[in-house]
N, C-alpha and C. Protein backbone atom coordinates (compact mmCIF):
# COMPACT_ATOMS: atom_id res chain seq x y z
N MET A 1 53.63 14.23 -38.95
CA MET A 1 52.68 13.13 -38.95
C MET A 1 52.62 12.47 -37.59
N LYS A 2 53.80 12.23 -36.99
CA LYS A 2 53.82 11.59 -35.68
C LYS A 2 53.20 12.49 -34.62
N ARG A 3 53.42 13.80 -34.78
CA ARG A 3 52.87 14.75 -33.81
C ARG A 3 51.33 14.73 -33.86
N ARG A 4 50.79 14.65 -35.05
CA ARG A 4 49.33 14.61 -35.23
C ARG A 4 48.75 13.34 -34.62
N THR A 5 49.36 12.21 -34.86
CA THR A 5 48.90 10.94 -34.30
C THR A 5 48.99 10.95 -32.78
N LEU A 6 50.07 11.51 -32.26
CA LEU A 6 50.22 11.61 -30.80
C LEU A 6 49.13 12.49 -30.21
N MET A 7 48.81 13.60 -30.87
CA MET A 7 47.76 14.50 -30.39
C MET A 7 46.40 13.80 -30.42
N GLN A 8 46.10 13.07 -31.47
CA GLN A 8 44.83 12.35 -31.56
C GLN A 8 44.74 11.28 -30.48
N ALA A 9 45.81 10.57 -30.24
CA ALA A 9 45.81 9.54 -29.20
C ALA A 9 45.63 10.16 -27.83
N THR A 10 46.25 11.31 -27.60
CA THR A 10 46.13 12.00 -26.31
C THR A 10 44.69 12.46 -26.09
N VAL A 11 44.09 13.05 -27.10
CA VAL A 11 42.70 13.52 -26.98
C VAL A 11 41.76 12.33 -26.75
N ALA A 12 41.96 11.24 -27.45
CA ALA A 12 41.11 10.06 -27.27
C ALA A 12 41.27 9.48 -25.87
N THR A 13 42.49 9.45 -25.36
CA THR A 13 42.73 8.92 -24.02
C THR A 13 42.08 9.79 -22.96
N VAL A 14 42.22 11.11 -23.09
CA VAL A 14 41.61 12.03 -22.13
C VAL A 14 40.09 11.89 -22.17
N ALA A 15 39.52 11.80 -23.35
CA ALA A 15 38.06 11.64 -23.47
C ALA A 15 37.60 10.35 -22.82
N LEU A 16 38.35 9.29 -23.01
CA LEU A 16 38.00 8.01 -22.41
C LEU A 16 38.08 8.07 -20.90
N LEU A 17 39.14 8.67 -20.39
CA LEU A 17 39.31 8.76 -18.93
C LEU A 17 38.24 9.64 -18.29
N LEU A 18 37.80 10.67 -18.99
CA LEU A 18 36.76 11.54 -18.45
C LEU A 18 35.39 10.88 -18.48
N SER A 19 35.18 9.93 -19.37
CA SER A 19 33.87 9.29 -19.49
C SER A 19 33.70 8.11 -18.54
N VAL A 20 34.77 7.61 -17.94
CA VAL A 20 34.68 6.44 -17.05
C VAL A 20 33.75 6.69 -15.87
N PRO A 21 33.86 7.83 -15.14
CA PRO A 21 32.92 8.05 -14.03
C PRO A 21 31.47 8.13 -14.50
N ALA A 22 31.24 8.71 -15.67
CA ALA A 22 29.87 8.80 -16.18
C ALA A 22 29.31 7.41 -16.47
N MET A 23 30.13 6.52 -17.01
CA MET A 23 29.68 5.16 -17.28
C MET A 23 29.41 4.42 -15.98
N ALA A 24 30.22 4.66 -14.96
CA ALA A 24 30.01 3.99 -13.68
C ALA A 24 28.68 4.42 -13.07
N ASP A 25 28.35 5.71 -13.17
CA ASP A 25 27.08 6.18 -12.63
C ASP A 25 25.91 5.57 -13.38
N SER A 26 25.99 5.50 -14.70
CA SER A 26 24.88 4.93 -15.46
C SER A 26 24.75 3.44 -15.19
N MET A 27 25.86 2.74 -14.99
CA MET A 27 25.80 1.32 -14.66
C MET A 27 25.16 1.11 -13.29
N ALA A 28 25.49 1.96 -12.33
CA ALA A 28 24.89 1.85 -11.00
C ALA A 28 23.39 2.11 -11.08
N ASP A 29 23.00 3.10 -11.87
CA ASP A 29 21.58 3.39 -12.05
C ASP A 29 20.86 2.22 -12.71
N ALA A 30 21.48 1.64 -13.72
CA ALA A 30 20.88 0.50 -14.41
C ALA A 30 20.74 -0.69 -13.48
N LYS A 31 21.76 -0.95 -12.66
CA LYS A 31 21.69 -2.06 -11.71
C LYS A 31 20.56 -1.85 -10.70
N THR A 32 20.37 -0.61 -10.26
CA THR A 32 19.30 -0.31 -9.31
C THR A 32 17.94 -0.60 -9.93
N VAL A 33 17.74 -0.19 -11.17
CA VAL A 33 16.46 -0.43 -11.85
C VAL A 33 16.24 -1.93 -12.05
N VAL A 34 17.27 -2.65 -12.48
CA VAL A 34 17.13 -4.09 -12.70
C VAL A 34 16.84 -4.80 -11.39
N ASP A 35 17.53 -4.44 -10.32
CA ASP A 35 17.29 -5.07 -9.02
C ASP A 35 15.86 -4.82 -8.54
N LYS A 36 15.35 -3.63 -8.79
CA LYS A 36 13.99 -3.30 -8.35
C LYS A 36 12.96 -4.18 -9.05
N TYR A 37 13.10 -4.34 -10.36
CA TYR A 37 12.09 -5.07 -11.12
C TYR A 37 12.36 -6.57 -11.22
N ALA A 38 13.55 -7.02 -10.86
CA ALA A 38 13.86 -8.45 -10.91
C ALA A 38 13.67 -9.13 -9.57
N SER A 39 13.44 -8.36 -8.52
CA SER A 39 13.28 -8.96 -7.20
C SER A 39 11.85 -9.47 -7.01
N LYS A 40 11.68 -10.35 -6.05
CA LYS A 40 10.37 -10.92 -5.77
C LYS A 40 9.46 -9.85 -5.16
N VAL A 41 8.24 -9.80 -5.64
CA VAL A 41 7.27 -8.82 -5.16
C VAL A 41 6.32 -9.51 -4.20
N SER A 42 6.20 -8.97 -2.99
CA SER A 42 5.31 -9.58 -2.01
C SER A 42 4.02 -8.79 -1.84
N ALA A 43 4.00 -7.54 -2.28
CA ALA A 43 2.80 -6.72 -2.14
C ALA A 43 2.60 -5.90 -3.41
N TRP A 44 1.36 -5.70 -3.80
CA TRP A 44 1.03 -4.92 -4.99
C TRP A 44 1.29 -3.45 -4.70
N ASP A 45 2.08 -2.80 -5.57
CA ASP A 45 2.36 -1.38 -5.39
C ASP A 45 1.80 -0.54 -6.54
N GLY A 46 0.92 -1.13 -7.31
CA GLY A 46 0.29 -0.43 -8.42
C GLY A 46 -0.98 0.27 -7.99
N PRO A 47 -1.74 0.77 -8.93
CA PRO A 47 -2.97 1.49 -8.60
C PRO A 47 -4.01 0.56 -7.97
N THR A 48 -4.76 1.08 -7.04
CA THR A 48 -5.80 0.30 -6.37
C THR A 48 -7.19 0.79 -6.71
N SER A 49 -7.30 1.85 -7.47
CA SER A 49 -8.61 2.34 -7.88
C SER A 49 -8.50 2.88 -9.31
N GLY A 50 -9.62 3.06 -9.93
CA GLY A 50 -9.63 3.55 -11.30
C GLY A 50 -11.04 3.92 -11.70
N PRO A 51 -11.24 4.30 -12.93
CA PRO A 51 -12.58 4.67 -13.37
C PRO A 51 -13.50 3.45 -13.42
N LYS A 52 -14.78 3.70 -13.25
CA LYS A 52 -15.77 2.62 -13.29
C LYS A 52 -15.91 2.12 -14.72
N GLY A 53 -16.02 0.81 -14.87
CA GLY A 53 -16.17 0.21 -16.20
C GLY A 53 -17.53 0.53 -16.81
N ALA A 54 -17.55 0.72 -18.12
CA ALA A 54 -18.80 0.98 -18.82
C ALA A 54 -19.62 -0.30 -18.88
N SER A 55 -20.90 -0.21 -18.56
CA SER A 55 -21.74 -1.41 -18.56
C SER A 55 -22.33 -1.64 -19.95
N GLY A 56 -22.75 -2.89 -20.19
CA GLY A 56 -23.39 -3.24 -21.44
C GLY A 56 -22.42 -3.44 -22.60
N LYS A 57 -21.16 -3.66 -22.31
CA LYS A 57 -20.16 -3.85 -23.36
C LYS A 57 -19.82 -5.33 -23.50
N ASN A 58 -19.40 -5.73 -24.68
CA ASN A 58 -18.96 -7.10 -24.94
C ASN A 58 -17.45 -7.12 -25.13
N ILE A 59 -16.81 -8.13 -24.59
CA ILE A 59 -15.38 -8.34 -24.77
C ILE A 59 -15.21 -9.63 -25.55
N VAL A 60 -14.53 -9.57 -26.68
CA VAL A 60 -14.27 -10.74 -27.50
C VAL A 60 -12.78 -11.04 -27.42
N ILE A 61 -12.44 -12.29 -27.10
CA ILE A 61 -11.05 -12.69 -26.97
C ILE A 61 -10.73 -13.65 -28.11
N LEU A 62 -9.75 -13.30 -28.93
CA LEU A 62 -9.30 -14.18 -30.00
C LEU A 62 -7.96 -14.76 -29.56
N ALA A 63 -7.99 -15.97 -29.07
CA ALA A 63 -6.77 -16.61 -28.55
C ALA A 63 -6.20 -17.55 -29.60
N ALA A 64 -4.88 -17.55 -29.72
CA ALA A 64 -4.22 -18.41 -30.69
C ALA A 64 -4.16 -19.85 -30.20
N ASP A 65 -3.89 -20.05 -28.94
CA ASP A 65 -3.68 -21.39 -28.41
C ASP A 65 -4.08 -21.39 -26.94
N MET A 66 -5.16 -22.06 -26.60
CA MET A 66 -5.63 -22.07 -25.22
C MET A 66 -4.79 -22.97 -24.33
N LYS A 67 -3.78 -23.64 -24.88
CA LYS A 67 -2.87 -24.45 -24.07
C LYS A 67 -1.64 -23.65 -23.64
N ASN A 68 -1.45 -22.48 -24.23
CA ASN A 68 -0.34 -21.60 -23.89
C ASN A 68 -0.66 -20.92 -22.56
N GLY A 69 0.23 -21.05 -21.58
CA GLY A 69 -0.02 -20.51 -20.25
C GLY A 69 -0.23 -19.01 -20.22
N GLY A 70 0.50 -18.27 -21.05
CA GLY A 70 0.35 -16.81 -21.07
C GLY A 70 -1.00 -16.39 -21.60
N ILE A 71 -1.39 -16.96 -22.72
CA ILE A 71 -2.69 -16.63 -23.32
C ILE A 71 -3.82 -17.10 -22.41
N LEU A 72 -3.68 -18.29 -21.86
CA LEU A 72 -4.72 -18.82 -20.97
C LEU A 72 -4.86 -17.95 -19.73
N GLY A 73 -3.76 -17.42 -19.22
CA GLY A 73 -3.82 -16.52 -18.07
C GLY A 73 -4.59 -15.25 -18.37
N VAL A 74 -4.39 -14.70 -19.56
CA VAL A 74 -5.12 -13.50 -19.95
C VAL A 74 -6.60 -13.81 -20.08
N VAL A 75 -6.93 -14.92 -20.73
CA VAL A 75 -8.34 -15.30 -20.90
C VAL A 75 -9.01 -15.50 -19.54
N ASN A 76 -8.35 -16.20 -18.64
CA ASN A 76 -8.92 -16.41 -17.31
C ASN A 76 -9.06 -15.10 -16.56
N GLY A 77 -8.10 -14.20 -16.72
CA GLY A 77 -8.19 -12.89 -16.07
C GLY A 77 -9.37 -12.09 -16.57
N VAL A 78 -9.64 -12.15 -17.86
CA VAL A 78 -10.80 -11.43 -18.41
C VAL A 78 -12.09 -12.07 -17.91
N ARG A 79 -12.11 -13.39 -17.81
CA ARG A 79 -13.32 -14.06 -17.32
C ARG A 79 -13.58 -13.75 -15.85
N GLU A 80 -12.54 -13.54 -15.07
CA GLU A 80 -12.69 -13.25 -13.65
C GLU A 80 -12.79 -11.75 -13.37
N ARG A 81 -12.92 -10.96 -14.40
CA ARG A 81 -12.92 -9.51 -14.25
C ARG A 81 -13.99 -9.03 -13.28
N ARG A 82 -13.80 -7.81 -12.84
CA ARG A 82 -14.78 -7.21 -11.94
C ARG A 82 -15.58 -6.14 -12.67
N ALA A 83 -15.45 -6.07 -13.97
CA ALA A 83 -16.18 -5.08 -14.75
C ALA A 83 -17.50 -5.67 -15.24
N PRO A 84 -18.48 -4.83 -15.49
CA PRO A 84 -19.80 -5.33 -15.93
C PRO A 84 -19.85 -5.60 -17.43
N TRP A 85 -18.97 -6.49 -17.93
CA TRP A 85 -18.93 -6.81 -19.34
C TRP A 85 -19.32 -8.25 -19.56
N ALA A 86 -19.79 -8.53 -20.77
CA ALA A 86 -20.07 -9.92 -21.16
C ALA A 86 -18.86 -10.42 -21.94
N GLY A 87 -18.28 -11.52 -21.49
CA GLY A 87 -17.10 -12.08 -22.17
C GLY A 87 -17.49 -13.22 -23.09
N ARG A 88 -16.81 -13.34 -24.21
CA ARG A 88 -17.09 -14.43 -25.16
C ARG A 88 -15.81 -15.11 -25.53
């Protein structure tokens, strides 16, 4: 019984020690991603062109609360759009 417990503990310890470098690499990768997206952005690095908007379309916005900054930002963004749509 003691031999079996000792063998299980040894296998668990070896597995843990072998996984430490793998965890360190994944943590470094995660920190890199978080630093990239959590830092201040000074220039737009997204797409600068896209397909032309279809004309003659209506956009209807159903907002829950026009005092909410997030919802109000979306509504204002749609109103300031550069597409040939009618907003309501």
